[in-house]
């Protein structure tokens, strides 16, 4: 996944974007995905860990990750796809 742009995430399930002032309440799935993004995981890796953690199929987890990625893109919380890879590490 792409890099997150300036998003501050806490352990209570809240995310804050200091440049826009927007805050977001995260469900457990979103919080888990964003935590993995902090250490630059690929979409497949995130889906695999999500499937294990929440005891769902890889296919279901993969769809969840891709849909969540699309929401982050729509909210402009992800940078455009870099030509060198698909990680989602924080700046």
Protein backbone atom coordinates (compact mmCIF):
# COMPACT_ATOMS: atom_id res chain seq x y z
CA UNK A 1 0.00 0.00 0.00
CA UNK A 2 1.04 3.60 -0.42
CA UNK A 3 2.41 5.78 2.35
CA UNK A 4 0.03 7.38 4.81
CA UNK A 5 0.17 11.17 4.77
CA UNK A 6 0.74 12.81 8.14
CA UNK A 7 -1.76 10.69 10.06
CA UNK A 8 -1.36 10.42 13.84
CA UNK A 9 -2.87 7.24 15.29
CA UNK A 10 -3.32 6.41 18.97
CA UNK A 11 -3.97 3.13 20.76
CA UNK A 12 -7.57 4.08 21.56
CA UNK A 13 -8.69 3.86 17.93
CA UNK A 14 -8.50 7.51 16.92
CA UNK A 15 -6.60 8.99 13.99
CA UNK A 16 -5.87 12.68 13.53
CA UNK A 17 -4.68 14.53 10.45
CA UNK A 18 -2.93 17.67 11.77
CA UNK A 19 -2.82 19.45 8.41
CA UNK A 20 -6.61 19.32 7.93
CA UNK A 21 -7.75 19.08 11.55
CA UNK A 22 -9.88 16.04 10.72
CA UNK A 23 -10.13 13.19 13.18
CA UNK A 24 -11.40 9.69 12.58
CA UNK A 25 -12.72 6.93 14.85
CA UNK A 26 -11.27 3.60 13.77
CA UNK A 27 -12.86 0.20 14.21
CA UNK A 28 -10.65 -2.73 15.22
CA UNK A 29 -10.02 -3.76 11.64
CA UNK A 30 -8.99 -0.28 10.51
CA UNK A 31 -6.79 0.20 13.55
CA UNK A 32 -5.06 -3.14 12.93
CA UNK A 33 -4.48 -2.32 9.25
CA UNK A 34 -3.05 1.10 10.05
CA UNK A 35 -0.78 -0.36 12.73
CA UNK A 36 0.63 -2.75 10.13
CA UNK A 37 1.08 0.15 7.72
CA UNK A 38 3.40 1.80 10.21
CA UNK A 39 5.93 -0.95 9.52
CA UNK A 40 5.57 -0.99 5.72
CA UNK A 41 3.64 -4.17 4.95
CA UNK A 42 2.43 -5.20 1.50
CA UNK A 43 -1.32 -5.60 0.87
CA UNK A 44 -1.02 -9.40 0.79
CA UNK A 45 0.91 -9.41 4.08
CA UNK A 46 -1.70 -7.20 5.73
CA UNK A 47 -4.54 -9.40 4.43
CA UNK A 48 -2.78 -12.53 5.68
CA UNK A 49 -2.29 -11.10 9.17
CA UNK A 50 -5.83 -9.71 9.20
CA UNK A 51 -7.25 -13.14 8.28
CA UNK A 52 -5.29 -14.76 11.09
CA UNK A 53 -6.13 -12.12 13.69
CA UNK A 54 -9.88 -11.97 12.97
CA UNK A 55 -10.29 -15.60 11.85
CA UNK A 56 -11.66 -14.84 8.39
CA UNK A 57 -10.65 -16.15 4.97
CA UNK A 58 -7.72 -14.59 3.16
CA UNK A 59 -10.09 -13.54 0.35
CA UNK A 60 -12.38 -11.68 2.76
CA UNK A 61 -9.43 -10.02 4.49
CA UNK A 62 -7.91 -9.03 1.15
CA UNK A 63 -11.17 -7.38 0.06
CA UNK A 64 -11.33 -5.51 3.39
CA UNK A 65 -7.78 -4.22 2.97
CA UNK A 66 -8.34 -3.12 -0.62
CA UNK A 67 -11.65 -1.39 0.23
CA UNK A 68 -10.07 0.35 3.22
CA UNK A 69 -7.19 1.46 0.98
CA UNK A 70 -9.72 2.96 -1.44
CA UNK A 71 -11.35 4.89 1.42
CA UNK A 72 -7.96 6.22 2.50
CA UNK A 73 -7.25 7.30 -1.08
CA UNK A 74 -10.64 9.02 -1.34
CA UNK A 75 -9.91 10.93 1.87
CA UNK A 76 -6.45 11.80 0.50
CA UNK A 77 -4.79 10.07 3.44
CA UNK A 78 -2.53 8.01 1.15
CA UNK A 79 0.11 9.29 -1.22
CA UNK A 80 -0.13 8.25 -4.86
CA UNK A 81 1.30 4.81 -5.62
CA UNK A 82 5.11 4.99 -5.73
CA UNK A 83 6.75 3.43 -8.77
CA UNK A 84 9.14 1.38 -6.61
CA UNK A 85 6.73 -0.63 -4.46
CA UNK A 86 3.45 -0.91 -2.63
CA UNK A 87 4.25 -0.35 1.02
CA UNK A 88 2.19 1.83 3.33
CA UNK A 89 4.76 3.06 5.83
CA UNK A 90 4.27 6.36 7.60
CA UNK A 91 6.51 9.29 6.82
